[in-house]
Amino acid sequence: MIDDLLIVTIERLRDDLAQLKELLRDRYLNPDRQVTAEDIKSEAARLAETWMVEVAQRLEIVDNIPSTYRADLNVHFQRLLTFSEHSSKRSRYQAEINAILKNFTAGLVIPLKQVRRIQPPISPTLRPIEVRLRQLPKTPDPFRPTAFLGQSFSTDDQQINDCVRRTLESLGIKVSTGEKPKADPVKTGVRGQSIHHHCPL
């Protein structure tokens, strides 16, 4: 898939090569003079590496540009890289740059733009999202401290009992109290035995 970034990179490479050609001509009027300026040599190396590393190996280039034309460009950029490592003449730089730019737009930029225009747009495929809810184990009831309150069942102590119970509950403590005893009637036989046992005649 040819993207806009690839097109921009190739067009920028073309423009930078044209600027390098003008810079060489301005700095070195004599074509036979050796190029020794480090900034020019570094720029030539950068442009050659951009083609060989970032562009030439892309599948979009391999699939849409003839192999013979790609091979020619590889040779010219390789020579440009070699020149940058030595003090080569300006004429040698200029010959390789001219060879690269000669058919660069018509043989590389235009074909890629044509393919870019006719290729179908990429649209994400929307798929329903399946959500599976995993049944979580029941969490046990949170622990709550409990206190057993032994209290008097006399009405005179009711106020004290209430005060103690409210104090414990305000601290988050559950209060448990005993039940008030019931005055169950004693059976006649049992009551008689009790009286006879404790009150002998």
C-alpha atoms as a PDB file:
ATOM      1  CA  MET A   1       0.000   0.000   0.000  1.00  0.00           C
ATOM      2  CA  ILE A   2       1.537   3.262  -1.171  1.00  0.00           C
ATOM      3  CA  ASP A   3       1.079   5.978   1.421  1.00  0.00           C
ATOM      4  CA  ASP A   4       1.588   9.715   1.284  1.00  0.00           C
ATOM      5  CA  LEU A   5       4.718   9.505   3.418  1.00  0.00           C
ATOM      6  CA  LEU A   6       6.514   7.432   0.786  1.00  0.00           C
ATOM      7  CA  ILE A   7       5.611   9.914  -1.959  1.00  0.00           C
ATOM      8  CA  VAL A   8       6.793  12.840   0.164  1.00  0.00           C
ATOM      9  CA  THR A   9      10.081  11.086   0.972  1.00  0.00           C
ATOM     10  CA  ILE A  10      10.818  10.434  -2.708  1.00  0.00           C
ATOM     11  CA  GLU A  11       9.947  13.984  -3.790  1.00  0.00           C
ATOM     12  CA  ARG A  12      12.087  15.423  -1.009  1.00  0.00           C
ATOM     13  CA  LEU A  13      14.957  13.190  -2.103  1.00  0.00           C
ATOM     14  CA  ARG A  14      14.642  14.547  -5.630  1.00  0.00           C
ATOM     15  CA  ASP A  15      14.584  18.165  -4.445  1.00  0.00           C
ATOM     16  CA  ASP A  16      17.570  17.655  -2.126  1.00  0.00           C
ATOM     17  CA  LEU A  17      19.570  16.132  -4.967  1.00  0.00           C
ATOM     18  CA  ALA A  18      18.873  19.187  -7.133  1.00  0.00           C
ATOM     19  CA  GLN A  19      19.993  21.483  -4.292  1.00  0.00           C
ATOM     20  CA  LEU A  20      23.170  19.448  -3.811  1.00  0.00           C
ATOM     21  CA  LYS A  21      23.930  19.812  -7.500  1.00  0.00           C
ATOM     22  CA  GLU A  22      23.595  23.606  -7.282  1.00  0.00           C
ATOM     23  CA  LEU A  23      25.710  23.719  -4.119  1.00  0.00           C
ATOM     24  CA  LEU A  24      28.509  21.784  -5.796  1.00  0.00           C
ATOM     25  CA  ARG A  25      28.465  24.150  -8.748  1.00  0.00           C
ATOM     26  CA  ASP A  26      28.592  27.219  -6.488  1.00  0.00           C
ATOM     27  CA  ARG A  27      31.408  25.926  -4.277  1.00  0.00           C
ATOM     28  CA  TYR A  28      33.546  24.345  -6.987  1.00  0.00           C
ATOM     29  CA  LEU A  29      33.551  26.322 -10.234  1.00  0.00           C
ATOM     30  CA  ASN A  30      36.108  24.012 -11.822  1.00  0.00           C
ATOM     31  CA  PRO A  31      34.492  20.616 -12.585  1.00  0.00           C
ATOM     32  CA  ASP A  32      37.837  18.885 -12.140  1.00  0.00           C
ATOM     33  CA  ARG A  33      38.360  20.189  -8.645  1.00  0.00           C
ATOM     34  CA  GLN A  34      38.170  17.688  -5.823  1.00  0.00           C
ATOM     35  CA  VAL A  35      35.289  18.019  -3.353  1.00  0.00           C
ATOM     36  CA  THR A  36      36.667  18.187   0.167  1.00  0.00           C
ATOM     37  CA  ALA A  37      33.925  20.087   2.037  1.00  0.00           C
ATOM     38  CA  GLU A  38      32.602  17.809   4.780  1.00  0.00           C
ATOM     39  CA  ASP A  39      29.097  19.260   4.725  1.00  0.00           C
ATOM     40  CA  ILE A  40      28.717  18.468   1.029  1.00  0.00           C
ATOM     41  CA  LYS A  41      30.128  14.972   1.419  1.00  0.00           C
ATOM     42  CA  SER A  42      27.860  14.299   4.405  1.00  0.00           C
ATOM     43  CA  GLU A  43      24.814  15.469   2.482  1.00  0.00           C
ATOM     44  CA  ALA A  44      25.689  13.228  -0.474  1.00  0.00           C
ATOM     45  CA  ALA A  45      26.059  10.252   1.874  1.00  0.00           C
ATOM     46  CA  ARG A  46      22.730  11.010   3.575  1.00  0.00           C
ATOM     47  CA  LEU A  47      20.851  11.147   0.270  1.00  0.00           C
ATOM     48  CA  ALA A  48      22.409   7.898  -0.923  1.00  0.00           C
ATOM     49  CA  GLU A  49      21.528   6.140   2.327  1.00  0.00           C
ATOM     50  CA  THR A  50      17.969   7.485   2.196  1.00  0.00           C
ATOM     51  CA  TRP A  51      17.441   5.788  -1.155  1.00  0.00           C
ATOM     52  CA  MET A  52      19.147   2.509  -0.284  1.00  0.00           C
ATOM     53  CA  VAL A  53      17.672   2.096   3.213  1.00  0.00           C
ATOM     54  CA  GLU A  54      14.317   3.901   3.299  1.00  0.00           C
ATOM     55  CA  VAL A  55      13.104   3.717  -0.300  1.00  0.00           C
ATOM     56  CA  ALA A  56      14.661   1.024  -2.493  1.00  0.00           C
ATOM     57  CA  GLN A  57      13.748  -1.853  -0.168  1.00  0.00           C
ATOM     58  CA  ARG A  58      10.084  -0.934   0.145  1.00  0.00           C
ATOM     59  CA  LEU A  59       7.678  -3.493  -1.311  1.00  0.00           C
ATOM     60  CA  GLU A  60       5.717  -0.682  -2.950  1.00  0.00           C
ATOM     61  CA  ILE A  61       8.822   0.200  -4.991  1.00  0.00           C
ATOM     62  CA  VAL A  62       9.645  -3.407  -5.843  1.00  0.00           C
ATOM     63  CA  ASP A  63       6.070  -4.178  -6.936  1.00  0.00           C
ATOM     64  CA  ASN A  64       5.423  -1.067  -9.047  1.00  0.00           C
ATOM     65  CA  ILE A  65       8.766   0.094 -10.484  1.00  0.00           C
ATOM     66  CA  PRO A  66      10.601  -1.910 -13.224  1.00  0.00           C
ATOM     67  CA  SER A  67      13.586  -3.829 -11.902  1.00  0.00           C
ATOM     68  CA  THR A  68      15.937  -2.450 -14.586  1.00  0.00           C
ATOM     69  CA  TYR A  69      15.200   1.141 -13.577  1.00  0.00           C
ATOM     70  CA  ARG A  70      15.583   0.314  -9.889  1.00  0.00           C
ATOM     71  CA  ALA A  71      18.916  -1.374 -10.619  1.00  0.00           C
ATOM     72  CA  ASP A  72      20.182   1.733 -12.434  1.00  0.00           C
ATOM     73  CA  LEU A  73      19.191   3.968  -9.526  1.00  0.00           C
ATOM     74  CA  ASN A  74      20.892   1.631  -7.068  1.00  0.00           C
ATOM     75  CA  VAL A  75      24.147   1.864  -9.037  1.00  0.00           C
ATOM     76  CA  HIS A  76      24.051   5.671  -9.219  1.00  0.00           C
ATOM     77  CA  PHE A  77      23.297   6.104  -5.519  1.00  0.00           C
ATOM     78  CA  GLN A  78      26.002   3.584  -4.615  1.00  0.00           C
ATOM     79  CA  ARG A  79      28.521   5.595  -6.602  1.00  0.00           C
ATOM     80  CA  LEU A  80      27.363   8.772  -4.898  1.00  0.00           C
ATOM     81  CA  LEU A  81      27.972   7.143  -1.532  1.00  0.00           C
ATOM     82  CA  THR A  82      31.432   6.024  -2.638  1.00  0.00           C
ATOM     83  CA  PHE A  83      32.327   9.545  -3.782  1.00  0.00           C
ATOM     84  CA  SER A  84      31.354  10.939  -0.379  1.00  0.00           C
ATOM     85  CA  GLU A  85      33.955   8.718   1.266  1.00  0.00           C
ATOM     86  CA  HIS A  86      36.783  10.109  -0.858  1.00  0.00           C
ATOM     87  CA  SER A  87      37.888  13.420  -2.349  1.00  0.00           C
ATOM     88  CA  SER A  88      36.246  12.908  -5.714  1.00  0.00           C
ATOM     89  CA  LYS A  89      35.921  15.490  -8.471  1.00  0.00           C
ATOM     90  CA  ARG A  90      32.872  17.673  -8.784  1.00  0.00           C
ATOM     91  CA  SER A  91      32.261  16.344 -12.305  1.00  0.00           C
ATOM     92  CA  ARG A  92      31.837  12.820 -10.976  1.00  0.00           C
ATOM     93  CA  TYR A  93      29.247  13.957  -8.443  1.00  0.00           C
ATOM     94  CA  GLN A  94      27.452  15.908 -11.118  1.00  0.00           C
ATOM     95  CA  ALA A  95      27.366  12.991 -13.568  1.00  0.00           C
ATOM     96  CA  GLU A  96      25.686  10.669 -11.046  1.00  0.00           C
ATOM     97  CA  ILE A  97      23.216  13.276  -9.833  1.00  0.00           C
ATOM     98  CA  ASN A  98      22.231  14.104 -13.426  1.00  0.00           C
ATOM     99  CA  ALA A  99      21.740  10.408 -14.164  1.00  0.00           C
ATOM    100  CA  ILE A 100      19.471  10.043 -11.122  1.00  0.00           C
ATOM    101  CA  LEU A 101      17.377  13.126 -11.856  1.00  0.00           C
ATOM    102  CA  LYS A 102      17.082  12.479 -15.596  1.00  0.00           C
ATOM    103  CA  ASN A 103      14.033  10.225 -15.358  1.00  0.00           C
ATOM    104  CA  PHE A 104      13.305  10.426 -11.630  1.00  0.00           C
ATOM    105  CA  THR A 105       9.910  12.141 -11.863  1.00  0.00           C
ATOM    106  CA  ALA A 106       8.561  10.304 -14.911  1.00  0.00           C
ATOM    107  CA  GLY A 107       9.986   6.903 -14.004  1.00  0.00           C
ATOM    108  CA  LEU A 108       9.403   6.905 -10.244  1.00  0.00           C
ATOM    109  CA  VAL A 109       7.232   9.676  -8.826  1.00  0.00           C
ATOM    110  CA  ILE A 110       4.438   9.650 -11.419  1.00  0.00           C
ATOM    111  CA  PRO A 111       3.949   5.840 -11.498  1.00  0.00           C
ATOM    112  CA  LEU A 112       3.708   5.714  -7.718  1.00  0.00           C
ATOM    113  CA  LYS A 113       1.194   8.541  -7.629  1.00  0.00           C
ATOM    114  CA  GLN A 114      -0.900   6.804 -10.269  1.00  0.00           C
ATOM    115  CA  VAL A 115      -1.005   3.614  -8.240  1.00  0.00           C
ATOM    116  CA  ARG A 116      -1.719   5.608  -5.108  1.00  0.00           C
ATOM    117  CA  ARG A 117      -4.734   7.199  -6.781  1.00  0.00           C
ATOM    118  CA  ILE A 118      -6.397   4.018  -8.016  1.00  0.00           C
ATOM    119  CA  GLN A 119      -5.771   1.817  -5.012  1.00  0.00           C
ATOM    120  CA  PRO A 120      -8.863   1.264  -2.841  1.00  0.00           C
ATOM    121  CA  PRO A 121      -8.998   3.218   0.376  1.00  0.00           C
ATOM    122  CA  ILE A 122      -8.380   1.356   3.566  1.00  0.00           C
ATOM    123  CA  SER A 123     -11.456   1.202   5.740  1.00  0.00           C
ATOM    124  CA  PRO A 124     -11.415  -0.590   9.052  1.00  0.00           C
ATOM    125  CA  THR A 125     -13.721  -3.583   9.252  1.00  0.00           C
ATOM    126  CA  LEU A 126     -16.117  -3.200  12.094  1.00  0.00           C
ATOM    127  CA  ARG A 127     -16.809  -6.399  13.926  1.00  0.00           C
ATOM    128  CA  PRO A 128     -19.187  -6.882  16.811  1.00  0.00           C
ATOM    129  CA  ILE A 129     -17.342  -7.092  20.045  1.00  0.00           C
ATOM    130  CA  GLU A 130     -18.181 -10.218  21.949  1.00  0.00           C
ATOM    131  CA  VAL A 131     -18.120  -9.688  25.655  1.00  0.00           C
ATOM    132  CA  ARG A 132     -18.127 -12.710  27.865  1.00  0.00           C
ATOM    133  CA  LEU A 133     -19.001 -12.087  31.454  1.00  0.00           C
ATOM    134  CA  ARG A 134     -17.174 -14.354  33.822  1.00  0.00           C
ATOM    135  CA  GLN A 135     -19.156 -15.248  36.881  1.00  0.00           C
ATOM    136  CA  LEU A 136     -17.237 -13.990  39.827  1.00  0.00           C
ATOM    137  CA  PRO A 137     -17.243 -15.938  43.081  1.00  0.00           C
ATOM    138  CA  LYS A 138     -19.456 -14.571  45.757  1.00  0.00           C
ATOM    139  CA  THR A 139     -17.593 -12.385  48.125  1.00  0.00           C
ATOM    140  CA  PRO A 140     -18.067 -13.268  51.752  1.00  0.00           C
ATOM    141  CA  ASP A 141     -19.882 -10.849  53.966  1.00  0.00           C
ATOM    142  CA  PRO A 142     -17.500  -8.265  55.338  1.00  0.00           C
ATOM    143  CA  PHE A 143     -16.348  -8.862  58.882  1.00  0.00           C
ATOM    144  CA  ARG A 144     -18.099  -6.804  61.482  1.00  0.00           C
ATOM    145  CA  PRO A 145     -17.039  -6.945  65.130  1.00  0.00           C
ATOM    146  CA  THR A 146     -19.751  -8.011  67.540  1.00  0.00           C
ATOM    147  CA  ALA A 147     -19.902  -7.491  71.288  1.00  0.00           C
ATOM    148  CA  PHE A 148     -22.164  -9.226  73.761  1.00  0.00           C
ATOM    149  CA  LEU A 149     -23.537  -6.704  76.216  1.00  0.00           C
ATOM    150  CA  GLY A 150     -24.422  -8.088  79.605  1.00  0.00           C
ATOM    151  CA  GLN A 151     -26.964  -5.670  80.965  1.00  0.00           C
ATOM    152  CA  SER A 152     -29.318  -5.275  83.808  1.00  0.00           C
ATOM    153  CA  PHE A 153     -32.995  -5.671  83.040  1.00  0.00           C
ATOM    154  CA  SER A 154     -33.994  -3.340  85.820  1.00  0.00           C
ATOM    155  CA  THR A 155     -35.832  -0.247  84.649  1.00  0.00           C
ATOM    156  CA  ASP A 156     -33.519   1.831  86.848  1.00  0.00           C
ATOM    157  CA  ASP A 157     -30.513   0.768  84.719  1.00  0.00           C
ATOM    158  CA  GLN A 158     -32.163   1.262  81.296  1.00  0.00           C
ATOM    159  CA  GLN A 159     -30.460   4.636  80.746  1.00  0.00           C
ATOM    160  CA  ILE A 160     -27.039   3.131  81.444  1.00  0.00           C
ATOM    161  CA  ASN A 161     -27.747   0.197  79.127  1.00  0.00           C
ATOM    162  CA  ASP A 162     -28.756   2.545  76.277  1.00  0.00           C
ATOM    163  CA  CYS A 163     -25.676   4.703  76.730  1.00  0.00           C
ATOM    164  CA  VAL A 164     -23.299   1.741  76.570  1.00  0.00           C
ATOM    165  CA  ARG A 165     -25.087   0.260  73.536  1.00  0.00           C
ATOM    166  CA  ARG A 166     -25.006   3.557  71.566  1.00  0.00           C
ATOM    167  CA  THR A 167     -21.316   4.006  72.352  1.00  0.00           C
ATOM    168  CA  LEU A 168     -20.446   0.576  70.989  1.00  0.00           C
ATOM    169  CA  GLU A 169     -22.573   1.023  67.860  1.00  0.00           C
ATOM    170  CA  SER A 170     -20.941   4.384  67.127  1.00  0.00           C
ATOM    171  CA  LEU A 171     -17.629   2.515  66.999  1.00  0.00           C
ATOM    172  CA  GLY A 172     -19.015   0.132  64.355  1.00  0.00           C
ATOM    173  CA  ILE A 173     -19.533  -2.711  66.795  1.00  0.00           C
ATOM    174  CA  LYS A 174     -22.658  -4.800  66.526  1.00  0.00           C
ATOM    175  CA  VAL A 175     -24.253  -5.202  69.934  1.00  0.00           C
ATOM    176  CA  SER A 176     -25.894  -8.435  71.022  1.00  0.00           C
ATOM    177  CA  THR A 177     -27.809  -8.636  74.281  1.00  0.00           C
ATOM    178  CA  GLY A 178     -29.434 -11.420  76.226  1.00  0.00           C
ATOM    179  CA  GLU A 179     -33.162 -11.799  76.442  1.00  0.00           C
ATOM    180  CA  LYS A 180     -35.047 -10.677  79.485  1.00  0.00           C
ATOM    181  CA  PRO A 181     -35.880 -13.725  81.591  1.00  0.00           C
ATOM    182  CA  LYS A 182     -39.514 -14.812  81.597  1.00  0.00           C
ATOM    183  CA  ALA A 183     -41.362 -15.529  84.858  1.00  0.00           C
ATOM    184  CA  ASP A 184     -42.712 -18.962  83.935  1.00  0.00           C
ATOM    185  CA  PRO A 185     -45.115 -20.483  86.519  1.00  0.00           C
ATOM    186  CA  VAL A 186     -43.671 -23.319  88.496  1.00  0.00           C
ATOM    187  CA  LYS A 187     -45.545 -26.569  88.354  1.00  0.00           C
ATOM    188  CA  THR A 188     -47.510 -27.470  91.468  1.00  0.00           C
ATOM    189  CA  GLY A 189     -45.648 -30.705  92.117  1.00  0.00           C
ATOM    190  CA  VAL A 190     -42.260 -29.044  91.727  1.00  0.00           C
ATOM    191  CA  ARG A 191     -43.281 -26.120  93.905  1.00  0.00           C
ATOM    192  CA  GLY A 192     -44.473 -28.487  96.644  1.00  0.00           C
ATOM    193  CA  GLN A 193     -41.237 -30.448  96.577  1.00  0.00           C
ATOM    194  CA  SER A 194     -39.267 -27.230  96.801  1.00  0.00           C
ATOM    195  CA  ILE A 195     -41.229 -26.018  99.796  1.00  0.00           C
ATOM    196  CA  HIS A 196     -40.944 -29.380 101.441  1.00  0.00           C
ATOM    197  CA  HIS A 197     -37.205 -29.490 100.847  1.00  0.00           C
ATOM    198  CA  HIS A 198     -36.427 -26.072 102.188  1.00  0.00           C
ATOM    199  CA  CYS A 199     -39.086 -25.807 104.878  1.00  0.00           C
ATOM    200  CA  PRO A 200     -39.141 -29.005 106.867  1.00  0.00           C
ATOM    201  CA  LEU A 201     -41.901 -29.333 109.473  1.00  0.00           C
END
